Protein backbone atom coordinates (compact mmCIF):
# COMPACT_ATOMS: atom_id res chain seq x y z
CA UNK A 1 0.00 0.00 0.00
CA UNK A 2 1.25 3.50 -0.83
CA UNK A 3 1.93 5.62 2.24
CA UNK A 4 1.41 9.40 2.45
CA UNK A 5 5.19 9.79 2.86
CA UNK A 6 5.78 8.03 -0.47
CA UNK A 7 3.27 10.30 -2.19
CA UNK A 8 4.93 13.39 -0.71
CA UNK A 9 8.39 12.37 -1.93
CA UNK A 10 7.20 11.14 -5.36
CA UNK A 11 8.75 7.77 -4.62
CA UNK A 12 7.87 5.00 -7.04
CA UNK A 13 6.39 1.89 -5.52
CA UNK A 14 5.48 -1.49 -6.94
CA UNK A 15 1.87 -1.84 -7.97
CA UNK A 16 -0.27 -3.78 -5.55
CA UNK A 17 -0.84 -7.36 -6.63
CA UNK A 18 -4.63 -6.91 -6.57
CA UNK A 19 -4.42 -3.88 -8.84
CA UNK A 20 -2.23 -5.82 -11.25
CA UNK A 21 -4.77 -8.69 -11.32
CA UNK A 22 -7.70 -6.31 -11.78
CA UNK A 23 -6.14 -4.48 -14.70
CA UNK A 24 -4.97 -7.69 -16.37
CA UNK A 25 -8.69 -8.41 -16.83
CA UNK A 26 -10.29 -4.97 -16.91
CA UNK A 27 -7.46 -3.38 -18.88
CA UNK A 28 -8.40 -5.33 -21.98
CA UNK A 29 -10.22 -3.17 -24.47
CA UNK A 30 -14.00 -3.25 -23.99
CA UNK A 31 -14.03 -5.27 -20.73
CA UNK A 32 -14.90 -2.36 -18.45
CA UNK A 33 -17.33 -0.92 -20.97
CA UNK A 34 -19.11 -4.27 -21.29
CA UNK A 35 -19.46 -4.53 -17.51
CA UNK A 36 -20.63 -0.93 -17.24
CA UNK A 37 -23.28 -1.42 -19.92
CA UNK A 38 -25.35 -3.87 -17.88
CA UNK A 39 -28.60 -2.43 -16.63
CA UNK A 40 -30.60 -3.87 -13.79
CA UNK A 41 -31.12 -7.32 -15.25
CA UNK A 42 -30.20 -9.90 -17.85
CA UNK A 43 -29.29 -8.84 -21.38
CA UNK A 44 -28.91 -10.71 -24.63
CA UNK A 45 -25.90 -10.55 -26.94
CA UNK A 46 -27.50 -8.11 -29.43
CA UNK A 47 -28.71 -5.85 -26.65
CA UNK A 48 -25.18 -5.70 -25.21
CA UNK A 49 -23.69 -5.14 -28.66
CA UNK A 50 -25.97 -2.14 -29.20
CA UNK A 51 -25.28 -0.78 -25.70
CA UNK A 52 -21.50 -1.00 -26.08
CA UNK A 53 -21.38 0.21 -29.70
CA UNK A 54 -18.28 -0.14 -31.85
CA UNK A 55 -17.23 -3.57 -30.60
CA UNK A 56 -17.11 -6.44 -33.08
CA UNK A 57 -19.18 -9.54 -32.40
CA UNK A 58 -16.06 -11.70 -32.02
CA UNK A 59 -14.44 -9.35 -29.49
CA UNK A 60 -17.70 -9.01 -27.54
CA UNK A 61 -18.02 -12.80 -27.47
CA UNK A 62 -14.42 -13.10 -26.23
CA UNK A 63 -14.95 -10.49 -23.50
CA UNK A 64 -18.19 -12.08 -22.34
CA UNK A 65 -16.43 -15.46 -22.12
CA UNK A 66 -13.49 -13.99 -20.17
CA UNK A 67 -15.76 -12.08 -17.78
CA UNK A 68 -17.85 -15.22 -17.27
CA UNK A 69 -14.75 -17.29 -16.47
CA UNK A 70 -13.66 -14.55 -14.04
CA UNK A 71 -17.00 -14.84 -12.24
CA UNK A 72 -18.21 -11.32 -13.03
CA UNK A 73 -20.95 -12.34 -15.46
CA UNK A 74 -23.32 -15.32 -15.45
CA UNK A 75 -24.41 -16.87 -18.76
CA UNK A 76 -27.83 -18.51 -18.92
CA UNK A 77 -29.12 -20.62 -21.81
CA UNK A 78 -32.87 -20.98 -22.30
CA UNK A 79 -33.32 -24.10 -24.43
CA UNK A 80 -36.41 -22.61 -26.06
CA UNK A 81 -37.42 -23.05 -28.75
CA UNK A 82 -35.89 -20.82 -29.83
CA UNK A 83 -32.65 -21.12 -27.90
CA UNK A 84 -31.84 -17.86 -26.12
CA UNK A 85 -28.68 -16.88 -24.26
CA UNK A 86 -28.64 -14.09 -21.69
CA UNK A 87 -25.96 -12.56 -19.51
CA UNK A 88 -26.16 -10.78 -16.20
CA UNK A 89 -23.79 -9.49 -13.58
CA UNK A 90 -22.96 -11.76 -10.68
CA UNK A 91 -22.61 -10.44 -7.16
CA UNK A 92 -18.90 -9.88 -7.86
CA UNK A 93 -19.74 -7.99 -11.06
CA UNK A 94 -22.29 -5.79 -9.29
CA UNK A 95 -19.71 -5.05 -6.58
CA UNK A 96 -17.44 -3.63 -9.29
CA UNK A 97 -20.01 -1.12 -10.59
CA UNK A 98 -19.31 1.65 -8.03
CA UNK A 99 -15.61 1.59 -8.98
CA UNK A 100 -16.49 1.73 -12.69
CA UNK A 101 -18.81 4.70 -12.05
CA UNK A 102 -16.02 6.46 -10.14
CA UNK A 103 -13.59 5.84 -13.00
CA UNK A 104 -16.14 7.27 -15.42
CA UNK A 105 -16.63 10.38 -13.28
CA UNK A 106 -12.85 10.81 -12.97
CA UNK A 107 -12.47 10.55 -16.75
CA UNK A 108 -15.18 13.15 -17.34
CA UNK A 109 -13.37 15.56 -15.05
CA UNK A 110 -9.73 14.88 -15.90
CA UNK A 111 -9.43 13.45 -19.43
CA UNK A 112 -9.99 15.39 -22.62
CA UNK A 113 -12.98 14.30 -24.72
CA UNK A 114 -12.20 11.89 -27.53
CA UNK A 115 -12.64 13.32 -30.99
C-alpha atoms as a PDB file:
ATOM      1  CA  UNK A   1       0.000   0.000   0.000  1.00  0.00           C
ATOM      2  CA  UNK A   2       1.252   3.498  -0.827  1.00  0.00           C
ATOM      3  CA  UNK A   3       1.925   5.616   2.239  1.00  0.00           C
ATOM      4  CA  UNK A   4       1.408   9.401   2.451  1.00  0.00           C
ATOM      5  CA  UNK A   5       5.185   9.792   2.858  1.00  0.00           C
ATOM      6  CA  UNK A   6       5.778   8.032  -0.474  1.00  0.00           C
ATOM      7  CA  UNK A   7       3.267  10.299  -2.187  1.00  0.00           C
ATOM      8  CA  UNK A   8       4.933  13.387  -0.711  1.00  0.00           C
ATOM      9  CA  UNK A   9       8.389  12.371  -1.933  1.00  0.00           C
ATOM     10  CA  UNK A  10       7.197  11.140  -5.359  1.00  0.00           C
ATOM     11  CA  UNK A  11       8.752   7.771  -4.619  1.00  0.00           C
ATOM     12  CA  UNK A  12       7.865   5.003  -7.036  1.00  0.00           C
ATOM     13  CA  UNK A  13       6.391   1.888  -5.516  1.00  0.00           C
ATOM     14  CA  UNK A  14       5.480  -1.488  -6.938  1.00  0.00           C
ATOM     15  CA  UNK A  15       1.872  -1.835  -7.966  1.00  0.00           C
ATOM     16  CA  UNK A  16      -0.271  -3.783  -5.551  1.00  0.00           C
ATOM     17  CA  UNK A  17      -0.842  -7.364  -6.634  1.00  0.00           C
ATOM     18  CA  UNK A  18      -4.626  -6.907  -6.571  1.00  0.00           C
ATOM     19  CA  UNK A  19      -4.416  -3.875  -8.839  1.00  0.00           C
ATOM     20  CA  UNK A  20      -2.229  -5.823 -11.248  1.00  0.00           C
ATOM     21  CA  UNK A  21      -4.769  -8.692 -11.323  1.00  0.00           C
ATOM     22  CA  UNK A  22      -7.698  -6.308 -11.779  1.00  0.00           C
ATOM     23  CA  UNK A  23      -6.140  -4.479 -14.700  1.00  0.00           C
ATOM     24  CA  UNK A  24      -4.966  -7.688 -16.370  1.00  0.00           C
ATOM     25  CA  UNK A  25      -8.688  -8.406 -16.829  1.00  0.00           C
ATOM     26  CA  UNK A  26     -10.290  -4.968 -16.912  1.00  0.00           C
ATOM     27  CA  UNK A  27      -7.462  -3.381 -18.881  1.00  0.00           C
ATOM     28  CA  UNK A  28      -8.402  -5.330 -21.983  1.00  0.00           C
ATOM     29  CA  UNK A  29     -10.216  -3.174 -24.471  1.00  0.00           C
ATOM     30  CA  UNK A  30     -14.000  -3.255 -23.991  1.00  0.00           C
ATOM     31  CA  UNK A  31     -14.026  -5.275 -20.731  1.00  0.00           C
ATOM     32  CA  UNK A  32     -14.895  -2.361 -18.446  1.00  0.00           C
ATOM     33  CA  UNK A  33     -17.331  -0.918 -20.972  1.00  0.00           C
ATOM     34  CA  UNK A  34     -19.112  -4.269 -21.292  1.00  0.00           C
ATOM     35  CA  UNK A  35     -19.457  -4.530 -17.514  1.00  0.00           C
ATOM     36  CA  UNK A  36     -20.631  -0.925 -17.241  1.00  0.00           C
ATOM     37  CA  UNK A  37     -23.281  -1.424 -19.923  1.00  0.00           C
ATOM     38  CA  UNK A  38     -25.349  -3.869 -17.882  1.00  0.00           C
ATOM     39  CA  UNK A  39     -28.600  -2.433 -16.628  1.00  0.00           C
ATOM     40  CA  UNK A  40     -30.597  -3.865 -13.794  1.00  0.00           C
ATOM     41  CA  UNK A  41     -31.119  -7.318 -15.249  1.00  0.00           C
ATOM     42  CA  UNK A  42     -30.196  -9.902 -17.849  1.00  0.00           C
ATOM     43  CA  UNK A  43     -29.290  -8.836 -21.379  1.00  0.00           C
ATOM     44  CA  UNK A  44     -28.907 -10.708 -24.628  1.00  0.00           C
ATOM     45  CA  UNK A  45     -25.901 -10.553 -26.939  1.00  0.00           C
ATOM     46  CA  UNK A  46     -27.498  -8.114 -29.430  1.00  0.00           C
ATOM     47  CA  UNK A  47     -28.715  -5.854 -26.645  1.00  0.00           C
ATOM     48  CA  UNK A  48     -25.181  -5.701 -25.214  1.00  0.00           C
ATOM     49  CA  UNK A  49     -23.691  -5.136 -28.659  1.00  0.00           C
ATOM     50  CA  UNK A  50     -25.972  -2.135 -29.205  1.00  0.00           C
ATOM     51  CA  UNK A  51     -25.281  -0.778 -25.704  1.00  0.00           C
ATOM     52  CA  UNK A  52     -21.504  -1.004 -26.085  1.00  0.00           C
ATOM     53  CA  UNK A  53     -21.381   0.212 -29.698  1.00  0.00           C
ATOM     54  CA  UNK A  54     -18.278  -0.136 -31.853  1.00  0.00           C
ATOM     55  CA  UNK A  55     -17.228  -3.567 -30.601  1.00  0.00           C
ATOM     56  CA  UNK A  56     -17.106  -6.445 -33.080  1.00  0.00           C
ATOM     57  CA  UNK A  57     -19.175  -9.542 -32.400  1.00  0.00           C
ATOM     58  CA  UNK A  58     -16.059 -11.704 -32.019  1.00  0.00           C
ATOM     59  CA  UNK A  59     -14.442  -9.353 -29.488  1.00  0.00           C
ATOM     60  CA  UNK A  60     -17.701  -9.014 -27.540  1.00  0.00           C
ATOM     61  CA  UNK A  61     -18.020 -12.798 -27.469  1.00  0.00           C
ATOM     62  CA  UNK A  62     -14.420 -13.101 -26.228  1.00  0.00           C
ATOM     63  CA  UNK A  63     -14.946 -10.493 -23.502  1.00  0.00           C
ATOM     64  CA  UNK A  64     -18.188 -12.083 -22.336  1.00  0.00           C
ATOM     65  CA  UNK A  65     -16.432 -15.461 -22.122  1.00  0.00           C
ATOM     66  CA  UNK A  66     -13.495 -13.985 -20.172  1.00  0.00           C
ATOM     67  CA  UNK A  67     -15.758 -12.084 -17.784  1.00  0.00           C
ATOM     68  CA  UNK A  68     -17.854 -15.217 -17.272  1.00  0.00           C
ATOM     69  CA  UNK A  69     -14.746 -17.288 -16.469  1.00  0.00           C
ATOM     70  CA  UNK A  70     -13.664 -14.554 -14.038  1.00  0.00           C
ATOM     71  CA  UNK A  71     -17.005 -14.838 -12.236  1.00  0.00           C
ATOM     72  CA  UNK A  72     -18.207 -11.324 -13.032  1.00  0.00           C
ATOM     73  CA  UNK A  73     -20.949 -12.344 -15.456  1.00  0.00           C
ATOM     74  CA  UNK A  74     -23.324 -15.317 -15.446  1.00  0.00           C
ATOM     75  CA  UNK A  75     -24.406 -16.874 -18.757  1.00  0.00           C
ATOM     76  CA  UNK A  76     -27.825 -18.511 -18.921  1.00  0.00           C
ATOM     77  CA  UNK A  77     -29.121 -20.616 -21.808  1.00  0.00           C
ATOM     78  CA  UNK A  78     -32.872 -20.979 -22.302  1.00  0.00           C
ATOM     79  CA  UNK A  79     -33.315 -24.100 -24.426  1.00  0.00           C
ATOM     80  CA  UNK A  80     -36.414 -22.608 -26.058  1.00  0.00           C
ATOM     81  CA  UNK A  81     -37.417 -23.050 -28.748  1.00  0.00           C
ATOM     82  CA  UNK A  82     -35.892 -20.818 -29.833  1.00  0.00           C
ATOM     83  CA  UNK A  83     -32.645 -21.124 -27.897  1.00  0.00           C
ATOM     84  CA  UNK A  84     -31.840 -17.865 -26.115  1.00  0.00           C
ATOM     85  CA  UNK A  85     -28.678 -16.877 -24.262  1.00  0.00           C
ATOM     86  CA  UNK A  86     -28.640 -14.093 -21.693  1.00  0.00           C
ATOM     87  CA  UNK A  87     -25.957 -12.564 -19.510  1.00  0.00           C
ATOM     88  CA  UNK A  88     -26.156 -10.782 -16.204  1.00  0.00           C
ATOM     89  CA  UNK A  89     -23.793  -9.486 -13.579  1.00  0.00           C
ATOM     90  CA  UNK A  90     -22.964 -11.764 -10.677  1.00  0.00           C
ATOM     91  CA  UNK A  91     -22.613 -10.437  -7.159  1.00  0.00           C
ATOM     92  CA  UNK A  92     -18.898  -9.875  -7.857  1.00  0.00           C
ATOM     93  CA  UNK A  93     -19.743  -7.986 -11.057  1.00  0.00           C
ATOM     94  CA  UNK A  94     -22.290  -5.793  -9.289  1.00  0.00           C
ATOM     95  CA  UNK A  95     -19.708  -5.055  -6.580  1.00  0.00           C
ATOM     96  CA  UNK A  96     -17.438  -3.627  -9.285  1.00  0.00           C
ATOM     97  CA  UNK A  97     -20.012  -1.119 -10.593  1.00  0.00           C
ATOM     98  CA  UNK A  98     -19.307   1.646  -8.034  1.00  0.00           C
ATOM     99  CA  UNK A  99     -15.613   1.593  -8.979  1.00  0.00           C
ATOM    100  CA  UNK A 100     -16.495   1.733 -12.687  1.00  0.00           C
ATOM    101  CA  UNK A 101     -18.806   4.697 -12.052  1.00  0.00           C
ATOM    102  CA  UNK A 102     -16.024   6.457 -10.142  1.00  0.00           C
ATOM    103  CA  UNK A 103     -13.587   5.844 -13.005  1.00  0.00           C
ATOM    104  CA  UNK A 104     -16.136   7.266 -15.418  1.00  0.00           C
ATOM    105  CA  UNK A 105     -16.632  10.382 -13.284  1.00  0.00           C
ATOM    106  CA  UNK A 106     -12.855  10.812 -12.966  1.00  0.00           C
ATOM    107  CA  UNK A 107     -12.465  10.547 -16.755  1.00  0.00           C
ATOM    108  CA  UNK A 108     -15.184  13.146 -17.341  1.00  0.00           C
ATOM    109  CA  UNK A 109     -13.368  15.561 -15.049  1.00  0.00           C
ATOM    110  CA  UNK A 110      -9.731  14.875 -15.903  1.00  0.00           C
ATOM    111  CA  UNK A 111      -9.431  13.451 -19.426  1.00  0.00           C
ATOM    112  CA  UNK A 112      -9.989  15.392 -22.624  1.00  0.00           C
ATOM    113  CA  UNK A 113     -12.982  14.301 -24.720  1.00  0.00           C
ATOM    114  CA  UNK A 114     -12.195  11.893 -27.530  1.00  0.00           C
ATOM    115  CA  UNK A 115     -12.638  13.324 -30.990  1.00  0.00           C
END
